[in-house]
Amino acid sequence: MRDGVFTSVVLDIFGIVKQGAIVDWYKNIDVKRRIMNMIDDYLYDVVKKEKGIELSDEEMKLVIADVLALAENNYEIFS
């Protein structure tokens, strides 16, 4: 993956988390589930379909889990 494409994917995912975050979002399982679904949709529709980047279901699950863990550990950025 080229650096520019990688950067745009990271920024898009950051925006998705920011968009889904509400006050105390990291404590709310329903909000976290909604954010996870939005990231999953983005990875499938944009990264796989539009950008043509191959990602297995397992790789997508790992990306989502890692993103959520990073976001939860840095929740103040998104609040």
PDB file of N, CA and C in Angstrom:
ATOM      1  N   MET A   1       0.842  -1.169   0.000  1.00  0.00           N
ATOM      2  CA  MET A   1       0.000   0.000   0.000  1.00  0.00           C
ATOM      3  C   MET A   1       0.892   1.237   0.000  1.00  0.00           C
ATOM      4  N   ARG A   2       0.617   2.142  -0.900  1.00  0.00           N
ATOM      5  CA  ARG A   2       1.393   3.376  -0.962  1.00  0.00           C
ATOM      6  C   ARG A   2       1.128   4.237   0.262  1.00  0.00           C
ATOM      7  N   ASP A   3       2.130   5.050   0.628  1.00  0.00           N
ATOM      8  CA  ASP A   3       2.020   5.889   1.823  1.00  0.00           C
ATOM      9  C   ASP A   3       0.805   6.810   1.774  1.00  0.00           C
ATOM     10  N   GLY A   4       0.528   7.407   0.620  1.00  0.00           N
ATOM     11  CA  GLY A   4      -0.611   8.317   0.508  1.00  0.00           C
ATOM     12  C   GLY A   4      -1.935   7.616   0.730  1.00  0.00           C
ATOM     13  N   VAL A   5      -2.048   6.412   0.215  1.00  0.00           N
ATOM     14  CA  VAL A   5      -3.272   5.635   0.404  1.00  0.00           C
ATOM     15  C   VAL A   5      -3.400   5.243   1.870  1.00  0.00           C
ATOM     16  N   PHE A   6      -2.295   4.800   2.456  1.00  0.00           N
ATOM     17  CA  PHE A   6      -2.296   4.414   3.867  1.00  0.00           C
ATOM     18  C   PHE A   6      -2.708   5.593   4.736  1.00  0.00           C
ATOM     19  N   THR A   7      -2.143   6.747   4.470  1.00  0.00           N
ATOM     20  CA  THR A   7      -2.454   7.945   5.245  1.00  0.00           C
ATOM     21  C   THR A   7      -3.932   8.293   5.126  1.00  0.00           C
ATOM     22  N   SER A   8      -4.481   8.218   3.919  1.00  0.00           N
ATOM     23  CA  SER A   8      -5.895   8.562   3.737  1.00  0.00           C
ATOM     24  C   SER A   8      -6.800   7.567   4.462  1.00  0.00           C
ATOM     25  N   VAL A   9      -6.447   6.290   4.479  1.00  0.00           N
ATOM     26  CA  VAL A   9      -7.236   5.288   5.199  1.00  0.00           C
ATOM     27  C   VAL A   9      -7.195   5.570   6.697  1.00  0.00           C
ATOM     28  N   VAL A  10      -6.016   5.862   7.226  1.00  0.00           N
ATOM     29  CA  VAL A  10      -5.885   6.164   8.659  1.00  0.00           C
ATOM     30  C   VAL A  10      -6.708   7.397   9.019  1.00  0.00           C
ATOM     31  N   LEU A  11      -6.613   8.444   8.229  1.00  0.00           N
ATOM     32  CA  LEU A  11      -7.373   9.666   8.510  1.00  0.00           C
ATOM     33  C   LEU A  11      -8.872   9.431   8.397  1.00  0.00           C
ATOM     34  N   ASP A  12      -9.291   8.631   7.430  1.00  0.00           N
ATOM     35  CA  ASP A  12     -10.713   8.304   7.293  1.00  0.00           C
ATOM     36  C   ASP A  12     -11.218   7.545   8.518  1.00  0.00           C
ATOM     37  N   ILE A  13     -10.442   6.581   8.985  1.00  0.00           N
ATOM     38  CA  ILE A  13     -10.851   5.804  10.161  1.00  0.00           C
ATOM     39  C   ILE A  13     -10.873   6.698  11.400  1.00  0.00           C
ATOM     40  N   PHE A  14      -9.892   7.591  11.525  1.00  0.00           N
ATOM     41  CA  PHE A  14      -9.893   8.553  12.629  1.00  0.00           C
ATOM     42  C   PHE A  14     -11.191   9.363  12.599  1.00  0.00           C
ATOM     43  N   GLY A  15     -11.569   9.817  11.418  1.00  0.00           N
ATOM     44  CA  GLY A  15     -12.805  10.590  11.265  1.00  0.00           C
ATOM     45  C   GLY A  15     -14.041   9.795  11.632  1.00  0.00           C
ATOM     46  N   ILE A  16     -14.055   8.513  11.309  1.00  0.00           N
ATOM     47  CA  ILE A  16     -15.187   7.651  11.651  1.00  0.00           C
ATOM     48  C   ILE A  16     -15.328   7.552  13.167  1.00  0.00           C
ATOM     49  N   VAL A  17     -14.218   7.322  13.850  1.00  0.00           N
ATOM     50  CA  VAL A  17     -14.260   7.226  15.316  1.00  0.00           C
ATOM     51  C   VAL A  17     -14.715   8.562  15.896  1.00  0.00           C
ATOM     52  N   LYS A  18     -14.163   9.651  15.395  1.00  0.00           N
ATOM     53  CA  LYS A  18     -14.518  10.991  15.883  1.00  0.00           C
ATOM     54  C   LYS A  18     -16.009  11.263  15.668  1.00  0.00           C
ATOM     55  N   GLN A  19     -16.514  10.862  14.526  1.00  0.00           N
ATOM     56  CA  GLN A  19     -17.921  11.067  14.197  1.00  0.00           C
ATOM     57  C   GLN A  19     -18.836  10.260  15.136  1.00  0.00           C
ATOM     58  N   GLY A  20     -18.431   9.052  15.482  1.00  0.00           N
ATOM     59  CA  GLY A  20     -19.262   8.194  16.309  1.00  0.00           C
ATOM     60  C   GLY A  20     -19.148   8.450  17.796  1.00  0.00           C
ATOM     61  N   ALA A  21     -18.112   9.174  18.201  1.00  0.00           N
ATOM     62  CA  ALA A  21     -17.856   9.386  19.627  1.00  0.00           C
ATOM     63  C   ALA A  21     -18.829  10.395  20.224  1.00  0.00           C
ATOM     64  N   ILE A  22     -19.321  10.056  21.391  1.00  0.00           N
ATOM     65  CA  ILE A  22     -20.146  10.956  22.178  1.00  0.00           C
ATOM     66  C   ILE A  22     -19.509  11.025  23.567  1.00  0.00           C
ATOM     67  N   VAL A  23     -20.073  11.780  24.468  1.00  0.00           N
ATOM     68  CA  VAL A  23     -19.529  11.868  25.823  1.00  0.00           C
ATOM     69  C   VAL A  23     -19.496  10.466  26.435  1.00  0.00           C
ATOM     70  N   ASP A  24     -18.355  10.108  26.984  1.00  0.00           N
ATOM     71  CA  ASP A  24     -18.143   8.797  27.612  1.00  0.00           C
ATOM     72  C   ASP A  24     -18.405   7.626  26.662  1.00  0.00           C
ATOM     73  N   TRP A  25     -18.162   7.807  25.388  1.00  0.00           N
ATOM     74  CA  TRP A  25     -18.420   6.768  24.388  1.00  0.00           C
ATOM     75  C   TRP A  25     -17.683   5.479  24.697  1.00  0.00           C
ATOM     76  N   TYR A  26     -16.489   5.587  25.248  1.00  0.00           N
ATOM     77  CA  TYR A  26     -15.639   4.424  25.503  1.00  0.00           C
ATOM     78  C   TYR A  26     -16.199   3.527  26.606  1.00  0.00           C
ATOM     79  N   LYS A  27     -17.211   4.008  27.340  1.00  0.00           N
ATOM     80  CA  LYS A  27     -17.863   3.215  28.377  1.00  0.00           C
ATOM     81  C   LYS A  27     -19.177   2.603  27.887  1.00  0.00           C
ATOM     82  N   ASN A  28     -19.592   2.958  26.689  1.00  0.00           N
ATOM     83  CA  ASN A  28     -20.902   2.575  26.167  1.00  0.00           C
ATOM     84  C   ASN A  28     -20.745   1.522  25.072  1.00  0.00           C
ATOM     85  N   ILE A  29     -21.140   0.290  25.359  1.00  0.00           N
ATOM     86  CA  ILE A  29     -20.959  -0.815  24.418  1.00  0.00           C
ATOM     87  C   ILE A  29     -21.744  -0.601  23.127  1.00  0.00           C
ATOM     88  N   ASP A  30     -22.923   0.028  23.210  1.00  0.00           N
ATOM     89  CA  ASP A  30     -23.712   0.266  22.001  1.00  0.00           C
ATOM     90  C   ASP A  30     -23.017   1.256  21.068  1.00  0.00           C
ATOM     91  N   VAL A  31     -22.429   2.287  21.628  1.00  0.00           N
ATOM     92  CA  VAL A  31     -21.704   3.265  20.815  1.00  0.00           C
ATOM     93  C   VAL A  31     -20.463   2.610  20.215  1.00  0.00           C
ATOM     94  N   LYS A  32     -19.741   1.829  21.009  1.00  0.00           N
ATOM     95  CA  LYS A  32     -18.553   1.141  20.486  1.00  0.00           C
ATOM     96  C   LYS A  32     -18.941   0.178  19.377  1.00  0.00           C
ATOM     97  N   ARG A  33     -20.059  -0.515  19.535  1.00  0.00           N
ATOM     98  CA  ARG A  33     -20.522  -1.434  18.494  1.00  0.00           C
ATOM     99  C   ARG A  33     -20.864  -0.671  17.204  1.00  0.00           C
ATOM    100  N   ARG A  34     -21.496   0.493  17.352  1.00  0.00           N
ATOM    101  CA  ARG A  34     -21.839   1.312  16.183  1.00  0.00           C
ATOM    102  C   ARG A  34     -20.570   1.782  15.465  1.00  0.00           C
ATOM    103  N   ILE A  35     -19.570   2.218  16.228  1.00  0.00           N
ATOM    104  CA  ILE A  35     -18.296   2.651  15.638  1.00  0.00           C
ATOM    105  C   ILE A  35     -17.629   1.481  14.927  1.00  0.00           C
ATOM    106  N   MET A  36     -17.635   0.307  15.554  1.00  0.00           N
ATOM    107  CA  MET A  36     -17.039  -0.881  14.937  1.00  0.00           C
ATOM    108  C   MET A  36     -17.734  -1.206  13.621  1.00  0.00           C
ATOM    109  N   ASN A  37     -19.057  -1.097  13.581  1.00  0.00           N
ATOM    110  CA  ASN A  37     -19.810  -1.367  12.347  1.00  0.00           C
ATOM    111  C   ASN A  37     -19.489  -0.346  11.260  1.00  0.00           C
ATOM    112  N   MET A  38     -19.326   0.912  11.662  1.00  0.00           N
ATOM    113  CA  MET A  38     -18.984   1.951  10.684  1.00  0.00           C
ATOM    114  C   MET A  38     -17.592   1.698  10.098  1.00  0.00           C
ATOM    115  N   ILE A  39     -16.652   1.290  10.933  1.00  0.00           N
ATOM    116  CA  ILE A  39     -15.304   0.981  10.443  1.00  0.00           C
ATOM    117  C   ILE A  39     -15.344  -0.236   9.533  1.00  0.00           C
ATOM    118  N   ASP A  40     -16.105  -1.252   9.922  1.00  0.00           N
ATOM    119  CA  ASP A  40     -16.245  -2.458   9.097  1.00  0.00           C
ATOM    120  C   ASP A  40     -16.812  -2.105   7.719  1.00  0.00           C
ATOM    121  N   ASP A  41     -17.864  -1.288   7.691  1.00  0.00           N
ATOM    122  CA  ASP A  41     -18.449  -0.853   6.424  1.00  0.00           C
ATOM    123  C   ASP A  41     -17.419  -0.110   5.579  1.00  0.00           C
ATOM    124  N   TYR A  42     -16.667   0.779   6.201  1.00  0.00           N
ATOM    125  CA  TYR A  42     -15.637   1.542   5.481  1.00  0.00           C
ATOM    126  C   TYR A  42     -14.576   0.609   4.903  1.00  0.00           C
ATOM    127  N   LEU A  43     -14.090  -0.318   5.713  1.00  0.00           N
ATOM    128  CA  LEU A  43     -13.049  -1.239   5.226  1.00  0.00           C
ATOM    129  C   LEU A  43     -13.553  -2.060   4.047  1.00  0.00           C
ATOM    130  N   TYR A  44     -14.788  -2.510   4.134  1.00  0.00           N
ATOM    131  CA  TYR A  44     -15.330  -3.339   3.058  1.00  0.00           C
ATOM    132  C   TYR A  44     -15.662  -2.508   1.815  1.00  0.00           C
ATOM    133  N   ASP A  45     -16.423  -1.437   2.012  1.00  0.00           N
ATOM    134  CA  ASP A  45     -16.910  -0.657   0.866  1.00  0.00           C
ATOM    135  C   ASP A  45     -15.835   0.197   0.212  1.00  0.00           C
ATOM    136  N   VAL A  46     -14.996   0.826   1.003  1.00  0.00           N
ATOM    137  CA  VAL A  46     -14.015   1.765   0.450  1.00  0.00           C
ATOM    138  C   VAL A  46     -12.667   1.094   0.226  1.00  0.00           C
ATOM    139  N   VAL A  47     -12.114   0.513   1.281  1.00  0.00           N
ATOM    140  CA  VAL A  47     -10.757  -0.033   1.170  1.00  0.00           C
ATOM    141  C   VAL A  47     -10.727  -1.235   0.222  1.00  0.00           C
ATOM    142  N   LYS A  48     -11.643  -2.171   0.407  1.00  0.00           N
ATOM    143  CA  LYS A  48     -11.635  -3.371  -0.436  1.00  0.00           C
ATOM    144  C   LYS A  48     -12.197  -3.096  -1.825  1.00  0.00           C
ATOM    145  N   LYS A  49     -13.396  -2.517  -1.880  1.00  0.00           N
ATOM    146  CA  LYS A  49     -14.090  -2.354  -3.159  1.00  0.00           C
ATOM    147  C   LYS A  49     -13.521  -1.206  -3.997  1.00  0.00           C
ATOM    148  N   GLU A  50     -13.465  -0.002  -3.423  1.00  0.00           N
ATOM    149  CA  GLU A  50     -13.047   1.167  -4.196  1.00  0.00           C
ATOM    150  C   GLU A  50     -11.543   1.226  -4.416  1.00  0.00           C
ATOM    151  N   LYS A  51     -10.779   0.959  -3.366  1.00  0.00           N
ATOM    152  CA  LYS A  51      -9.323   1.081  -3.464  1.00  0.00           C
ATOM    153  C   LYS A  51      -8.664  -0.213  -3.931  1.00  0.00           C
ATOM    154  N   GLY A  52      -9.422  -1.314  -3.940  1.00  0.00           N
ATOM    155  CA  GLY A  52      -8.909  -2.585  -4.431  1.00  0.00           C
ATOM    156  C   GLY A  52      -7.824  -3.206  -3.561  1.00  0.00           C
ATOM    157  N   ILE A  53      -7.858  -2.916  -2.267  1.00  0.00           N
ATOM    158  CA  ILE A  53      -6.861  -3.465  -1.352  1.00  0.00           C
ATOM    159  C   ILE A  53      -7.426  -4.739  -0.739  1.00  0.00           C
ATOM    160  N   GLU A  54      -6.709  -5.808  -0.909  1.00  0.00           N
ATOM    161  CA  GLU A  54      -7.168  -7.087  -0.386  1.00  0.00           C
ATOM    162  C   GLU A  54      -7.038  -7.147   1.125  1.00  0.00           C
ATOM    163  N   LEU A  55      -8.151  -7.428   1.778  1.00  0.00           N
ATOM    164  CA  LEU A  55      -8.178  -7.641   3.222  1.00  0.00           C
ATOM    165  C   LEU A  55      -9.073  -8.840   3.491  1.00  0.00           C
ATOM    166  N   SER A  56      -8.564  -9.789   4.241  1.00  0.00           N
ATOM    167  CA  SER A  56      -9.395 -10.930   4.629  1.00  0.00           C
ATOM    168  C   SER A  56     -10.322 -10.496   5.759  1.00  0.00           C
ATOM    169  N   ASP A  57     -11.325 -11.320   6.023  1.00  0.00           N
ATOM    170  CA  ASP A  57     -12.227 -11.013   7.134  1.00  0.00           C
ATOM    171  C   ASP A  57     -11.454 -10.948   8.449  1.00  0.00           C
ATOM    172  N   GLU A  58     -10.494 -11.844   8.607  1.00  0.00           N
ATOM    173  CA  GLU A  58      -9.687 -11.859   9.822  1.00  0.00           C
ATOM    174  C   GLU A  58      -8.853 -10.582   9.946  1.00  0.00           C
ATOM    175  N   GLU A  59      -8.273 -10.133   8.839  1.00  0.00           N
ATOM    176  CA  GLU A  59      -7.491  -8.887   8.859  1.00  0.00           C
ATOM    177  C   GLU A  59      -8.378  -7.692   9.198  1.00  0.00           C
ATOM    178  N   MET A  60      -9.590  -7.684   8.663  1.00  0.00           N
ATOM    179  CA  MET A  60     -10.513  -6.594   8.968  1.00  0.00           C
ATOM    180  C   MET A  60     -10.871  -6.596  10.451  1.00  0.00           C
ATOM    181  N   LYS A  61     -11.117  -7.765  11.022  1.00  0.00           N
ATOM    182  CA  LYS A  61     -11.426  -7.873  12.451  1.00  0.00           C
ATOM    183  C   LYS A  61     -10.262  -7.370  13.298  1.00  0.00           C
ATOM    184  N   LEU A  62      -9.039  -7.708  12.898  1.00  0.00           N
ATOM    185  CA  LEU A  62      -7.858  -7.248  13.630  1.00  0.00           C
ATOM    186  C   LEU A  62      -7.714  -5.733  13.560  1.00  0.00           C
ATOM    187  N   VAL A  63      -7.934  -5.164  12.374  1.00  0.00           N
ATOM    188  CA  VAL A  63      -7.851  -3.708  12.212  1.00  0.00           C
ATOM    189  C   VAL A  63      -8.874  -3.034  13.122  1.00  0.00           C
ATOM    190  N   ILE A  64     -10.103  -3.532  13.105  1.00  0.00           N
ATOM    191  CA  ILE A  64     -11.172  -2.944  13.911  1.00  0.00           C
ATOM    192  C   ILE A  64     -10.835  -3.038  15.394  1.00  0.00           C
ATOM    193  N   ALA A  65     -10.368  -4.195  15.834  1.00  0.00           N
ATOM    194  CA  ALA A  65     -10.015  -4.381  17.249  1.00  0.00           C
ATOM    195  C   ALA A  65      -8.872  -3.456  17.656  1.00  0.00           C
ATOM    196  N   ASP A  66      -7.860  -3.348  16.805  1.00  0.00           N
ATOM    197  CA  ASP A  66      -6.722  -2.473  17.109  1.00  0.00           C
ATOM    198  C   ASP A  66      -7.135  -1.005  17.151  1.00  0.00           C
ATOM    199  N   VAL A  67      -7.956  -0.598  16.189  1.00  0.00           N
ATOM    200  CA  VAL A  67      -8.423   0.787  16.153  1.00  0.00           C
ATOM    201  C   VAL A  67      -9.216   1.107  17.412  1.00  0.00           C
ATOM    202  N   LEU A  68     -10.126   0.221  17.784  1.00  0.00           N
ATOM    203  CA  LEU A  68     -10.944   0.471  18.965  1.00  0.00           C
ATOM    204  C   LEU A  68     -10.092   0.515  20.230  1.00  0.00           C
ATOM    205  N   ALA A  69      -9.127  -0.386  20.335  1.00  0.00           N
ATOM    206  CA  ALA A  69      -8.240  -0.383  21.508  1.00  0.00           C
ATOM    207  C   ALA A  69      -7.444   0.917  21.585  1.00  0.00           C
ATOM    208  N   LEU A  70      -6.900   1.354  20.454  1.00  0.00           N
ATOM    209  CA  LEU A  70      -6.149   2.620  20.431  1.00  0.00           C
ATOM    210  C   LEU A  70      -7.051   3.798  20.775  1.00  0.00           C
ATOM    211  N   ALA A  71      -8.251   3.797  20.217  1.00  0.00           N
ATOM    212  CA  ALA A  71      -9.179   4.899  20.473  1.00  0.00           C
ATOM    213  C   ALA A  71      -9.597   4.929  21.935  1.00  0.00           C
ATOM    214  N   GLU A  72      -9.866   3.760  22.514  1.00  0.00           N
ATOM    215  CA  GLU A  72     -10.257   3.708  23.918  1.00  0.00           C
ATOM    216  C   GLU A  72      -9.119   4.176  24.829  1.00  0.00           C
ATOM    217  N   ASN A  73      -7.903   3.807  24.489  1.00  0.00           N
ATOM    218  CA  ASN A  73      -6.755   4.228  25.285  1.00  0.00           C
ATOM    219  C   ASN A  73      -6.455   5.719  25.139  1.00  0.00           C
ATOM    220  N   ASN A  74      -7.004   6.329  24.112  1.00  0.00           N
ATOM    221  CA  ASN A  74      -6.814   7.765  23.859  1.00  0.00           C
ATOM    222  C   ASN A  74      -8.151   8.475  23.711  1.00  0.00           C
ATOM    223  N   TYR A  75      -9.122   8.050  24.504  1.00  0.00           N
ATOM    224  CA  TYR A  75     -10.511   8.529  24.361  1.00  0.00           C
ATOM    225  C   TYR A  75     -10.635  10.043  24.427  1.00  0.00           C
ATOM    226  N   GLU A  76      -9.724  10.707  25.155  1.00  0.00           N
ATOM    227  CA  GLU A  76      -9.848  12.159  25.313  1.00  0.00           C
ATOM    228  C   GLU A  76      -9.689  12.898  23.975  1.00  0.00           C
ATOM    229  N   ILE A  77      -9.024  12.284  23.013  1.00  0.00           N
ATOM    230  CA  ILE A  77      -8.869  12.897  21.687  1.00  0.00           C
ATOM    231  C   ILE A  77     -10.224  12.991  20.973  1.00  0.00           C
ATOM    232  N   PHE A  78     -11.096  12.044  21.262  1.00  0.00           N
ATOM    233  CA  PHE A  78     -12.353  11.936  20.528  1.00  0.00           C
ATOM    234  C   PHE A  78     -13.548  12.551  21.252  1.00  0.00           C
ATOM    235  N   SER A  79     -13.345  13.011  22.467  1.00  0.00           N
ATOM    236  CA  SER A  79     -14.472  13.550  23.239  1.00  0.00           C
ATOM    237  C   SER A  79     -14.633  15.043  23.050  1.00  0.00           C
TER     238      SER A  79
END
